[in-house]
Structures are given as structure tokens and as C-alpha cells.
Amino acid sequence: MLLNGCRKEPKGDPGPNEIWLEYKAFNPLQRKIAAGTTITFINKDNANHSVTETHNLFDSGRIKSGDSYSYTFTTPGTYYFFCNYHSSNSSEQGAILVQ
């Protein structure tokens, strides 16, 4: 039994149109969706994060703990995104494939 509270407890799983920012990582790192789908990025971490598309198609700005950002993907293609606060962390880089 862990008593010091340092263990990271699972918080469940993201819904089919969600990506969670938790433990300085995107969960999941990739999603495959249909055009017209809205993805909601939810900050479940205690640090600030952002979601920025590599070609500046979208940029959430700061997402505080407990806040979210949504974007609707209307055009087929692959969209790569990262967190501006932790851009060198490969766990905070992801992709969405829109079909």
C-alpha cells in the first residue's frame, strides 16, 4: 500500500473524440477521425499546456488544469500538434489523421 500519495492513479480513458493532457503527455498520441469531427483536448495535469498545430492552423493558447480546448477538423489530411510549454518532450507531440 502506498501512503505518500506520489503514485499516479489512472483517471480512466479518453472518449473517442478526446485527447487528454496528463503527466506531461498527450493521451492518446494519435487519433484517426472522420472529417467534420471535433476533438476536445482536456488538461488533466497540474501544469499548463497548449495544443499547437505545426503549421499554425490552430493554437489553443494556455490550457490551465481542468480546462479544455476544442477544434473541428474539416479537411482530410494529417495534422501534427505539440505543446508550446514542453515542445522538446516527444510525449507532448501528436498527430490526427482526418479521413
PDB file of N, CA and C in Angstrom:
ATOM      1  N   MET A   1       0.846  -1.183   0.000  1.00  0.00           N
ATOM      2  CA  MET A   1       0.000   0.000   0.000  1.00  0.00           C
ATOM      3  C   MET A   1       0.886   1.239   0.000  1.00  0.00           C
ATOM      4  N   LEU A   2       0.574   2.174  -0.870  1.00  0.00           N
ATOM      5  CA  LEU A   2       1.345   3.401  -0.993  1.00  0.00           C
ATOM      6  C   LEU A   2       0.693   4.482  -0.143  1.00  0.00           C
ATOM      7  N   LEU A   3       1.460   5.083   0.744  1.00  0.00           N
ATOM      8  CA  LEU A   3       0.894   6.059   1.663  1.00  0.00           C
ATOM      9  C   LEU A   3       1.310   7.491   1.373  1.00  0.00           C
ATOM     10  N   ASN A   4       2.343   7.682   0.570  1.00  0.00           N
ATOM     11  CA  ASN A   4       2.855   9.040   0.395  1.00  0.00           C
ATOM     12  C   ASN A   4       2.137   9.847  -0.682  1.00  0.00           C
ATOM     13  N   GLY A   5       1.237   9.257  -1.430  1.00  0.00           N
ATOM     14  CA  GLY A   5       0.455   9.993  -2.413  1.00  0.00           C
ATOM     15  C   GLY A   5       1.192  10.343  -3.689  1.00  0.00           C
ATOM     16  N   CYS A   6       2.363   9.773  -3.940  1.00  0.00           N
ATOM     17  CA  CYS A   6       3.128  10.099  -5.128  1.00  0.00           C
ATOM     18  C   CYS A   6       2.715   9.284  -6.345  1.00  0.00           C
ATOM     19  N   ARG A   7       2.002   8.228  -6.135  1.00  0.00           N
ATOM     20  CA  ARG A   7       1.623   7.361  -7.241  1.00  0.00           C
ATOM     21  C   ARG A   7       0.593   8.042  -8.128  1.00  0.00           C
ATOM     22  N   LYS A   8       0.749   7.894  -9.446  1.00  0.00           N
ATOM     23  CA  LYS A   8      -0.186   8.471 -10.396  1.00  0.00           C
ATOM     24  C   LYS A   8      -1.315   7.473 -10.620  1.00  0.00           C
ATOM     25  N   GLU A   9      -2.485   7.818 -10.166  1.00  0.00           N
ATOM     26  CA  GLU A   9      -3.650   6.943 -10.313  1.00  0.00           C
ATOM     27  C   GLU A   9      -4.245   7.119 -11.701  1.00  0.00           C
ATOM     28  N   PRO A  10      -4.653   6.030 -12.346  1.00  0.00           N
ATOM     29  CA  PRO A  10      -5.318   6.150 -13.632  1.00  0.00           C
ATOM     30  C   PRO A  10      -6.595   6.973 -13.481  1.00  0.00           C
ATOM     31  N   LYS A  11      -6.862   7.799 -14.464  1.00  0.00           N
ATOM     32  CA  LYS A  11      -8.044   8.650 -14.441  1.00  0.00           C
ATOM     33  C   LYS A  11      -9.095   8.177 -15.436  1.00  0.00           C
ATOM     34  N   GLY A  12      -8.990   6.939 -15.903  1.00  0.00           N
ATOM     35  CA  GLY A  12      -9.911   6.443 -16.913  1.00  0.00           C
ATOM     36  C   GLY A  12      -9.296   6.574 -18.291  1.00  0.00           C
ATOM     37  N   ASP A  13     -10.140   6.514 -19.286  1.00  0.00           N
ATOM     38  CA  ASP A  13      -9.688   6.606 -20.670  1.00  0.00           C
ATOM     39  C   ASP A  13     -10.389   7.756 -21.376  1.00  0.00           C
ATOM     40  N   PRO A  14      -9.673   8.433 -22.272  1.00  0.00           N
ATOM     41  CA  PRO A  14     -10.309   9.497 -23.043  1.00  0.00           C
ATOM     42  C   PRO A  14     -11.444   8.941 -23.906  1.00  0.00           C
ATOM     43  N   GLY A  15     -12.463   9.752 -24.120  1.00  0.00           N
ATOM     44  CA  GLY A  15     -13.541   9.377 -25.033  1.00  0.00           C
ATOM     45  C   GLY A  15     -13.033   9.353 -26.466  1.00  0.00           C
ATOM     46  N   PRO A  16     -13.832   8.881 -27.407  1.00  0.00           N
ATOM     47  CA  PRO A  16     -13.383   8.735 -28.789  1.00  0.00           C
ATOM     48  C   PRO A  16     -13.027  10.057 -29.468  1.00  0.00           C
ATOM     49  N   ASN A  17     -13.538  11.170 -28.969  1.00  0.00           N
ATOM     50  CA  ASN A  17     -13.238  12.480 -29.554  1.00  0.00           C
ATOM     51  C   ASN A  17     -12.495  13.376 -28.570  1.00  0.00           C
ATOM     52  N   GLU A  18     -11.724  12.744 -27.684  1.00  0.00           N
ATOM     53  CA  GLU A  18     -10.952  13.482 -26.693  1.00  0.00           C
ATOM     54  C   GLU A  18      -9.480  13.106 -26.757  1.00  0.00           C
ATOM     55  N   ILE A  19      -8.651  14.068 -26.405  1.00  0.00           N
ATOM     56  CA  ILE A  19      -7.237  13.814 -26.144  1.00  0.00           C
ATOM     57  C   ILE A  19      -6.943  14.488 -24.813  1.00  0.00           C
ATOM     58  N   TRP A  20      -6.398  13.725 -23.885  1.00  0.00           N
ATOM     59  CA  TRP A  20      -6.090  14.248 -22.561  1.00  0.00           C
ATOM     60  C   TRP A  20      -4.636  14.681 -22.498  1.00  0.00           C
ATOM     61  N   LEU A  21      -4.395  15.758 -21.783  1.00  0.00           N
ATOM     62  CA  LEU A  21      -3.044  16.203 -21.459  1.00  0.00           C
ATOM     63  C   LEU A  21      -2.841  15.832 -20.006  1.00  0.00           C
ATOM     64  N   GLU A  22      -2.028  14.810 -19.781  1.00  0.00           N
ATOM     65  CA  GLU A  22      -1.808  14.340 -18.419  1.00  0.00           C
ATOM     66  C   GLU A  22      -0.395  13.808 -18.275  1.00  0.00           C
ATOM     67  N   TYR A  23       0.206  14.079 -17.122  1.00  0.00           N
ATOM     68  CA  TYR A  23       1.565  13.614 -16.820  1.00  0.00           C
ATOM     69  C   TYR A  23       2.553  14.058 -17.893  1.00  0.00           C
ATOM     70  N   LYS A  24       2.369  15.273 -18.399  1.00  0.00           N
ATOM     71  CA  LYS A  24       3.212  15.849 -19.456  1.00  0.00           C
ATOM     72  C   LYS A  24       3.247  14.951 -20.694  1.00  0.00           C
ATOM     73  N   ALA A  25       2.060  14.486 -21.088  1.00  0.00           N
ATOM     74  CA  ALA A  25       1.918  13.660 -22.291  1.00  0.00           C
ATOM     75  C   ALA A  25       0.515  13.836 -22.854  1.00  0.00           C
ATOM     76  N   PHE A  26       0.397  13.643 -24.170  1.00  0.00           N
ATOM     77  CA  PHE A  26      -0.917  13.569 -24.806  1.00  0.00           C
ATOM     78  C   PHE A  26      -1.386  12.117 -24.735  1.00  0.00           C
ATOM     79  N   ASN A  27      -2.633  11.909 -24.421  1.00  0.00           N
ATOM     80  CA  ASN A  27      -3.211  10.568 -24.328  1.00  0.00           C
ATOM     81  C   ASN A  27      -4.542  10.547 -25.062  1.00  0.00           C
ATOM     82  N   PRO A  28      -4.596   9.870 -26.223  1.00  0.00           N
ATOM     83  CA  PRO A  28      -3.524   9.171 -26.939  1.00  0.00           C
ATOM     84  C   PRO A  28      -2.686  10.154 -27.752  1.00  0.00           C
ATOM     85  N   LEU A  29      -1.569   9.658 -28.267  1.00  0.00           N
ATOM     86  CA  LEU A  29      -0.688  10.483 -29.095  1.00  0.00           C
ATOM     87  C   LEU A  29      -1.233  10.653 -30.507  1.00  0.00           C
ATOM     88  N   GLN A  30      -2.110   9.730 -30.930  1.00  0.00           N
ATOM     89  CA  GLN A  30      -2.664   9.776 -32.285  1.00  0.00           C
ATOM     90  C   GLN A  30      -4.140   9.435 -32.265  1.00  0.00           C
ATOM     91  N   ARG A  31      -4.872  10.025 -33.194  1.00  0.00           N
ATOM     92  CA  ARG A  31      -6.291   9.719 -33.395  1.00  0.00           C
ATOM     93  C   ARG A  31      -6.547   9.660 -34.890  1.00  0.00           C
ATOM     94  N   LYS A  32      -7.429   8.762 -35.295  1.00  0.00           N
ATOM     95  CA  LYS A  32      -7.912   8.691 -36.670  1.00  0.00           C
ATOM     96  C   LYS A  32      -9.391   9.040 -36.609  1.00  0.00           C
ATOM     97  N   ILE A  33      -9.799  10.079 -37.358  1.00  0.00           N
ATOM     98  CA  ILE A  33     -11.169  10.570 -37.286  1.00  0.00           C
ATOM     99  C   ILE A  33     -11.721  10.859 -38.677  1.00  0.00           C
ATOM    100  N   ALA A  34     -13.027  11.026 -38.750  1.00  0.00           N
ATOM    101  CA  ALA A  34     -13.692  11.434 -39.989  1.00  0.00           C
ATOM    102  C   ALA A  34     -13.685  12.958 -40.071  1.00  0.00           C
ATOM    103  N   ALA A  35     -13.636  13.487 -41.293  1.00  0.00           N
ATOM    104  CA  ALA A  35     -13.739  14.935 -41.486  1.00  0.00           C
ATOM    105  C   ALA A  35     -15.032  15.430 -40.849  1.00  0.00           C
ATOM    106  N   GLY A  36     -14.956  16.588 -40.214  1.00  0.00           N
ATOM    107  CA  GLY A  36     -16.103  17.162 -39.526  1.00  0.00           C
ATOM    108  C   GLY A  36     -16.157  16.838 -38.050  1.00  0.00           C
ATOM    109  N   THR A  37     -15.211  16.041 -37.560  1.00  0.00           N
ATOM    110  CA  THR A  37     -15.178  15.650 -36.150  1.00  0.00           C
ATOM    111  C   THR A  37     -14.513  16.741 -35.317  1.00  0.00           C
ATOM    112  N   THR A  38     -15.088  17.005 -34.168  1.00  0.00           N
ATOM    113  CA  THR A  38     -14.495  17.929 -33.205  1.00  0.00           C
ATOM    114  C   THR A  38     -13.738  17.125 -32.157  1.00  0.00           C
ATOM    115  N   ILE A  39     -12.480  17.482 -31.956  1.00  0.00           N
ATOM    116  CA  ILE A  39     -11.656  16.863 -30.922  1.00  0.00           C
ATOM    117  C   ILE A  39     -11.535  17.860 -29.765  1.00  0.00           C
ATOM    118  N   THR A  40     -11.719  17.373 -28.556  1.00  0.00           N
ATOM    119  CA  THR A  40     -11.557  18.195 -27.366  1.00  0.00           C
ATOM    120  C   THR A  40     -10.300  17.752 -26.626  1.00  0.00           C
ATOM    121  N   PHE A  41      -9.410  18.697 -26.422  1.00  0.00           N
ATOM    122  CA  PHE A  41      -8.169  18.475 -25.683  1.00  0.00           C
ATOM    123  C   PHE A  41      -8.437  18.920 -24.247  1.00  0.00           C
ATOM    124  N   ILE A  42      -8.285  18.022 -23.285  1.00  0.00           N
ATOM    125  CA  ILE A  42      -8.623  18.299 -21.895  1.00  0.00           C
ATOM    126  C   ILE A  42      -7.361  18.202 -21.031  1.00  0.00           C
ATOM    127  N   ASN A  43      -7.080  19.269 -20.285  1.00  0.00           N
ATOM    128  CA  ASN A  43      -5.904  19.273 -19.410  1.00  0.00           C
ATOM    129  C   ASN A  43      -6.261  18.612 -18.082  1.00  0.00           C
ATOM    130  N   LYS A  44      -5.769  17.403 -17.885  1.00  0.00           N
ATOM    131  CA  LYS A  44      -5.983  16.658 -16.648  1.00  0.00           C
ATOM    132  C   LYS A  44      -4.714  16.650 -15.799  1.00  0.00           C
ATOM    133  N   ASP A  45      -3.776  17.491 -16.158  1.00  0.00           N
ATOM    134  CA  ASP A  45      -2.497  17.600 -15.469  1.00  0.00           C
ATOM    135  C   ASP A  45      -2.552  18.787 -14.505  1.00  0.00           C
ATOM    136  N   ASN A  46      -1.533  18.931 -13.668  1.00  0.00           N
ATOM    137  CA  ASN A  46      -1.482  20.093 -12.787  1.00  0.00           C
ATOM    138  C   ASN A  46      -0.597  21.202 -13.357  1.00  0.00           C
ATOM    139  N   ALA A  47      -0.095  21.018 -14.577  1.00  0.00           N
ATOM    140  CA  ALA A  47       0.726  22.016 -15.262  1.00  0.00           C
ATOM    141  C   ALA A  47      -0.066  22.629 -16.418  1.00  0.00           C
ATOM    142  N   ASN A  48       0.330  23.830 -16.837  1.00  0.00           N
ATOM    143  CA  ASN A  48      -0.267  24.434 -18.026  1.00  0.00           C
ATOM    144  C   ASN A  48       0.243  23.725 -19.267  1.00  0.00           C
ATOM    145  N   HIS A  49      -0.614  23.647 -20.276  1.00  0.00           N
ATOM    146  CA  HIS A  49      -0.262  23.048 -21.560  1.00  0.00           C
ATOM    147  C   HIS A  49      -0.878  23.871 -22.673  1.00  0.00           C
ATOM    148  N   SER A  50      -0.483  23.557 -23.904  1.00  0.00           N
ATOM    149  CA  SER A  50      -1.125  24.126 -25.087  1.00  0.00           C
ATOM    150  C   SER A  50      -1.235  23.030 -26.129  1.00  0.00           C
ATOM    151  N   VAL A  51      -2.034  23.297 -27.149  1.00  0.00           N
ATOM    152  CA  VAL A  51      -2.125  22.417 -28.311  1.00  0.00           C
ATOM    153  C   VAL A  51      -1.939  23.319 -29.524  1.00  0.00           C
ATOM    154  N   THR A  52      -0.805  23.142 -30.208  1.00  0.00           N
ATOM    155  CA  THR A  52      -0.450  23.997 -31.331  1.00  0.00           C
ATOM    156  C   THR A  52      -0.162  23.135 -32.552  1.00  0.00           C
ATOM    157  N   GLU A  53      -0.866  23.386 -33.636  1.00  0.00           N
ATOM    158  CA  GLU A  53      -0.638  22.660 -34.885  1.00  0.00           C
ATOM    159  C   GLU A  53       0.663  23.177 -35.493  1.00  0.00           C
ATOM    160  N   THR A  54       1.476  22.293 -36.065  1.00  0.00           N
ATOM    161  CA  THR A  54       2.821  22.666 -36.524  1.00  0.00           C
ATOM    162  C   THR A  54       2.828  23.745 -37.605  1.00  0.00           C
ATOM    163  N   HIS A  55       1.739  23.904 -38.360  1.00  0.00           N
ATOM    164  CA  HIS A  55       1.662  24.952 -39.386  1.00  0.00           C
ATOM    165  C   HIS A  55       0.753  26.095 -38.947  1.00  0.00           C
ATOM    166  N   ASN A  56       0.518  26.178 -37.637  1.00  0.00           N
ATOM    167  CA  ASN A  56      -0.287  27.243 -37.037  1.00  0.00           C
ATOM    168  C   ASN A  56      -1.731  27.282 -37.519  1.00  0.00           C
ATOM    169  N   LEU A  57      -2.264  26.129 -37.910  1.00  0.00           N
ATOM    170  CA  LEU A  57      -3.675  26.060 -38.282  1.00  0.00           C
ATOM    171  C   LEU A  57      -4.545  26.365 -37.063  1.00  0.00           C
ATOM    172  N   PHE A  58      -4.114  25.882 -35.909  1.00  0.00           N
ATOM    173  CA  PHE A  58      -4.804  26.201 -34.659  1.00  0.00           C
ATOM    174  C   PHE A  58      -3.789  26.279 -33.530  1.00  0.00           C
ATOM    175  N   ASP A  59      -4.139  27.046 -32.511  1.00  0.00           N
ATOM    176  CA  ASP A  59      -3.302  27.198 -31.322  1.00  0.00           C
ATOM    177  C   ASP A  59      -4.235  27.504 -30.159  1.00  0.00           C
ATOM    178  N   SER A  60      -4.238  26.634 -29.189  1.00  0.00           N
ATOM    179  CA  SER A  60      -5.146  26.768 -28.057  1.00  0.00           C
ATOM    180  C   SER A  60      -4.777  27.899 -27.112  1.00  0.00           C
ATOM    181  N   GLY A  61      -3.513  28.340 -27.153  1.00  0.00           N
ATOM    182  CA  GLY A  61      -3.049  29.208 -26.083  1.00  0.00           C
ATOM    183  C   GLY A  61      -2.932  28.375 -24.815  1.00  0.00           C
ATOM    184  N   ARG A  62      -2.812  29.014 -23.686  1.00  0.00           N
ATOM    185  CA  ARG A  62      -2.642  28.292 -22.419  1.00  0.00           C
ATOM    186  C   ARG A  62      -3.929  27.575 -22.030  1.00  0.00           C
ATOM    187  N   ILE A  63      -3.791  26.274 -21.753  1.00  0.00           N
ATOM    188  CA  ILE A  63      -4.904  25.483 -21.210  1.00  0.00           C
ATOM    189  C   ILE A  63      -4.531  25.168 -19.766  1.00  0.00           C
ATOM    190  N   LYS A  64      -5.232  25.791 -18.837  1.00  0.00           N
ATOM    191  CA  LYS A  64      -4.963  25.564 -17.416  1.00  0.00           C
ATOM    192  C   LYS A  64      -5.513  24.210 -16.985  1.00  0.00           C
ATOM    193  N   SER A  65      -5.035  23.735 -15.861  1.00  0.00           N
ATOM    194  CA  SER A  65      -5.507  22.480 -15.288  1.00  0.00           C
ATOM    195  C   SER A  65      -7.031  22.512 -15.163  1.00  0.00           C
ATOM    196  N   GLY A  66      -7.685  21.481 -15.693  1.00  0.00           N
ATOM    197  CA  GLY A  66      -9.139  21.378 -15.646  1.00  0.00           C
ATOM    198  C   GLY A  66      -9.849  22.034 -16.809  1.00  0.00           C
ATOM    199  N   ASP A  67      -9.142  22.814 -17.625  1.00  0.00           N
ATOM    200  CA  ASP A  67      -9.750  23.477 -18.786  1.00  0.00           C
ATOM    201  C   ASP A  67      -9.592  22.617 -20.038  1.00  0.00           C
ATOM    202  N   SER A  68     -10.250  23.038 -21.121  1.00  0.00           N
ATOM    203  CA  SER A  68     -10.186  22.280 -22.368  1.00  0.00           C
ATOM    204  C   SER A  68     -10.175  23.230 -23.557  1.00  0.00           C
ATOM    205  N   TYR A  69      -9.866  22.649 -24.715  1.00  0.00           N
ATOM    206  CA  TYR A  69      -9.859  23.370 -25.985  1.00  0.00           C
ATOM    207  C   TYR A  69     -10.399  22.410 -27.040  1.00  0.00           C
ATOM    208  N   SER A  70     -11.280  22.896 -27.900  1.00  0.00           N
ATOM    209  CA  SER A  70     -11.856  22.046 -28.952  1.00  0.00           C
ATOM    210  C   SER A  70     -11.550  22.629 -30.325  1.00  0.00           C
ATOM    211  N   TYR A  71     -11.366  21.715 -31.288  1.00  0.00           N
ATOM    212  CA  TYR A  71     -11.127  22.110 -32.672  1.00  0.00           C
ATOM    213  C   TYR A  71     -11.836  21.119 -33.580  1.00  0.00           C
ATOM    214  N   THR A  72     -12.512  21.647 -34.615  1.00  0.00           N
ATOM    215  CA  THR A  72     -13.200  20.806 -35.592  1.00  0.00           C
ATOM    216  C   THR A  72     -12.323  20.654 -36.829  1.00  0.00           C
ATOM    217  N   PHE A  73     -12.019  19.411 -37.180  1.00  0.00           N
ATOM    218  CA  PHE A  73     -11.181  19.086 -38.331  1.00  0.00           C
ATOM    219  C   PHE A  73     -12.077  18.837 -39.538  1.00  0.00           C
ATOM    220  N   THR A  74     -12.073  19.753 -40.500  1.00  0.00           N
ATOM    221  CA  THR A  74     -12.991  19.679 -41.632  1.00  0.00           C
ATOM    222  C   THR A  74     -12.360  19.145 -42.912  1.00  0.00           C
ATOM    223  N   THR A  75     -11.041  19.222 -43.014  1.00  0.00           N
ATOM    224  CA  THR A  75     -10.353  18.842 -44.243  1.00  0.00           C
ATOM    225  C   THR A  75      -9.507  17.596 -44.014  1.00  0.00           C
ATOM    226  N   PRO A  76      -9.635  16.572 -44.893  1.00  0.00           N
ATOM    227  CA  PRO A  76      -8.801  15.376 -44.752  1.00  0.00           C
ATOM    228  C   PRO A  76      -7.312  15.717 -44.802  1.00  0.00           C
ATOM    229  N   GLY A  77      -6.532  14.967 -44.056  1.00  0.00           N
ATOM    230  CA  GLY A  77      -5.084  15.164 -44.012  1.00  0.00           C
ATOM    231  C   GLY A  77      -4.553  14.732 -42.663  1.00  0.00           C
ATOM    232  N   THR A  78      -3.259  14.891 -42.480  1.00  0.00           N
ATOM    233  CA  THR A  78      -2.627  14.580 -41.199  1.00  0.00           C
ATOM    234  C   THR A  78      -2.195  15.882 -40.553  1.00  0.00           C
ATOM    235  N   TYR A  79      -2.606  16.057 -39.314  1.00  0.00           N
ATOM    236  CA  TYR A  79      -2.326  17.277 -38.558  1.00  0.00           C
ATOM    237  C   TYR A  79      -1.443  16.924 -37.361  1.00  0.00           C
ATOM    238  N   TYR A  80      -0.267  17.534 -37.319  1.00  0.00           N
ATOM    239  CA  TYR A  80       0.677  17.302 -36.227  1.00  0.00           C
ATOM    240  C   TYR A  80       0.563  18.460 -35.239  1.00  0.00           C
ATOM    241  N   PHE A  81       0.628  18.136 -33.960  1.00  0.00           N
ATOM    242  CA  PHE A  81       0.492  19.165 -32.943  1.00  0.00           C
ATOM    243  C   PHE A  81       1.477  18.900 -31.809  1.00  0.00           C
ATOM    244  N   PHE A  82       1.704  19.939 -30.996  1.00  0.00           N
ATOM    245  CA  PHE A  82       2.645  19.844 -29.882  1.00  0.00           C
ATOM    246  C   PHE A  82       2.211  20.816 -28.791  1.00  0.00           C
ATOM    247  N   CYS A  83       2.848  20.711 -27.631  1.00  0.00           N
ATOM    248  CA  CYS A  83       2.630  21.631 -26.517  1.00  0.00           C
ATOM    249  C   CYS A  83       3.738  22.679 -26.534  1.00  0.00           C
ATOM    250  N   ASN A  84       3.377  23.956 -26.613  1.00  0.00           N
ATOM    251  CA  ASN A  84       4.373  25.037 -26.604  1.00  0.00           C
ATOM    252  C   ASN A  84       5.157  25.095 -25.307  1.00  0.00           C
ATOM    253  N   TYR A  85       4.566  24.665 -24.216  1.00  0.00           N
ATOM    254  CA  TYR A  85       5.234  24.732 -22.923  1.00  0.00           C
ATOM    255  C   TYR A  85       6.300  23.646 -22.766  1.00  0.00           C
ATOM    256  N   HIS A  86       6.149  22.549 -23.494  1.00  0.00           N
ATOM    257  CA  HIS A  86       7.064  21.413 -23.360  1.00  0.00           C
ATOM    258  C   HIS A  86       7.413  20.869 -24.752  1.00  0.00           C
ATOM    259  N   SER A  87       7.791  21.753 -25.655  1.00  0.00           N
ATOM    260  CA  SER A  87       7.955  21.386 -27.069  1.00  0.00           C
ATOM    261  C   SER A  87       9.061  20.368 -27.327  1.00  0.00           C
ATOM    262  N   SER A  88      10.021  20.235 -26.419  1.00  0.00           N
ATOM    263  CA  SER A  88      11.096  19.257 -26.624  1.00  0.00           C
ATOM    264  C   SER A  88      10.710  17.862 -26.122  1.00  0.00           C
ATOM    265  N   ASN A  89       9.572  17.741 -25.469  1.00  0.00           N
ATOM    266  CA  ASN A  89       9.112  16.462 -24.919  1.00  0.00           C
ATOM    267  C   ASN A  89       8.348  15.691 -26.011  1.00  0.00           C
ATOM    268  N   SER A  90       8.891  14.573 -26.467  1.00  0.00           N
ATOM    269  CA  SER A  90       8.244  13.811 -27.544  1.00  0.00           C
ATOM    270  C   SER A  90       6.890  13.247 -27.126  1.00  0.00           C
ATOM    271  N   SER A  91       6.623  13.133 -25.832  1.00  0.00           N
ATOM    272  CA  SER A  91       5.312  12.665 -25.364  1.00  0.00           C
ATOM    273  C   SER A  91       4.253  13.756 -25.482  1.00  0.00           C
ATOM    274  N   GLU A  92       4.689  14.979 -25.776  1.00  0.00           N
ATOM    275  CA  GLU A  92       3.743  16.076 -25.978  1.00  0.00           C
ATOM    276  C   GLU A  92       3.768  16.529 -27.425  1.00  0.00           C
ATOM    277  N   GLN A  93       3.860  15.548 -28.302  1.00  0.00           N
ATOM    278  CA  GLN A  93       3.743  15.754 -29.735  1.00  0.00           C
ATOM    279  C   GLN A  93       2.821  14.666 -30.247  1.00  0.00           C
ATOM    280  N   GLY A  94       1.857  15.029 -31.075  1.00  0.00           N
ATOM    281  CA  GLY A  94       0.901  14.043 -31.544  1.00  0.00           C
ATOM    282  C   GLY A  94       0.439  14.307 -32.959  1.00  0.00           C
ATOM    283  N   ALA A  95      -0.491  13.464 -33.413  1.00  0.00           N
ATOM    284  CA  ALA A  95      -0.997  13.592 -34.785  1.00  0.00           C
ATOM    285  C   ALA A  95      -2.468  13.166 -34.833  1.00  0.00           C
ATOM    286  N   ILE A  96      -3.189  13.812 -35.733  1.00  0.00           N
ATOM    287  CA  ILE A  96      -4.573  13.434 -36.010  1.00  0.00           C
ATOM    288  C   ILE A  96      -4.688  13.208 -37.509  1.00  0.00           C
ATOM    289  N   LEU A  97      -5.143  12.021 -37.880  1.00  0.00           N
ATOM    290  CA  LEU A  97      -5.358  11.662 -39.271  1.00  0.00           C
ATOM    291  C   LEU A  97      -6.840  11.836 -39.553  1.00  0.00           C
ATOM    292  N   VAL A  98      -7.154  12.769 -40.450  1.00  0.00           N
ATOM    293  CA  VAL A  98      -8.541  13.054 -40.807  1.00  0.00           C
ATOM    294  C   VAL A  98      -8.820  12.436 -42.154  1.00  0.00           C
ATOM    295  N   GLN A  99      -9.847  11.589 -42.194  1.00  0.00           N
ATOM    296  CA  GLN A  99     -10.186  10.887 -43.455  1.00  0.00           C
ATOM    297  C   GLN A  99     -11.464  11.426 -44.042  1.00  0.00           C
TER     298      GLN A  99
END
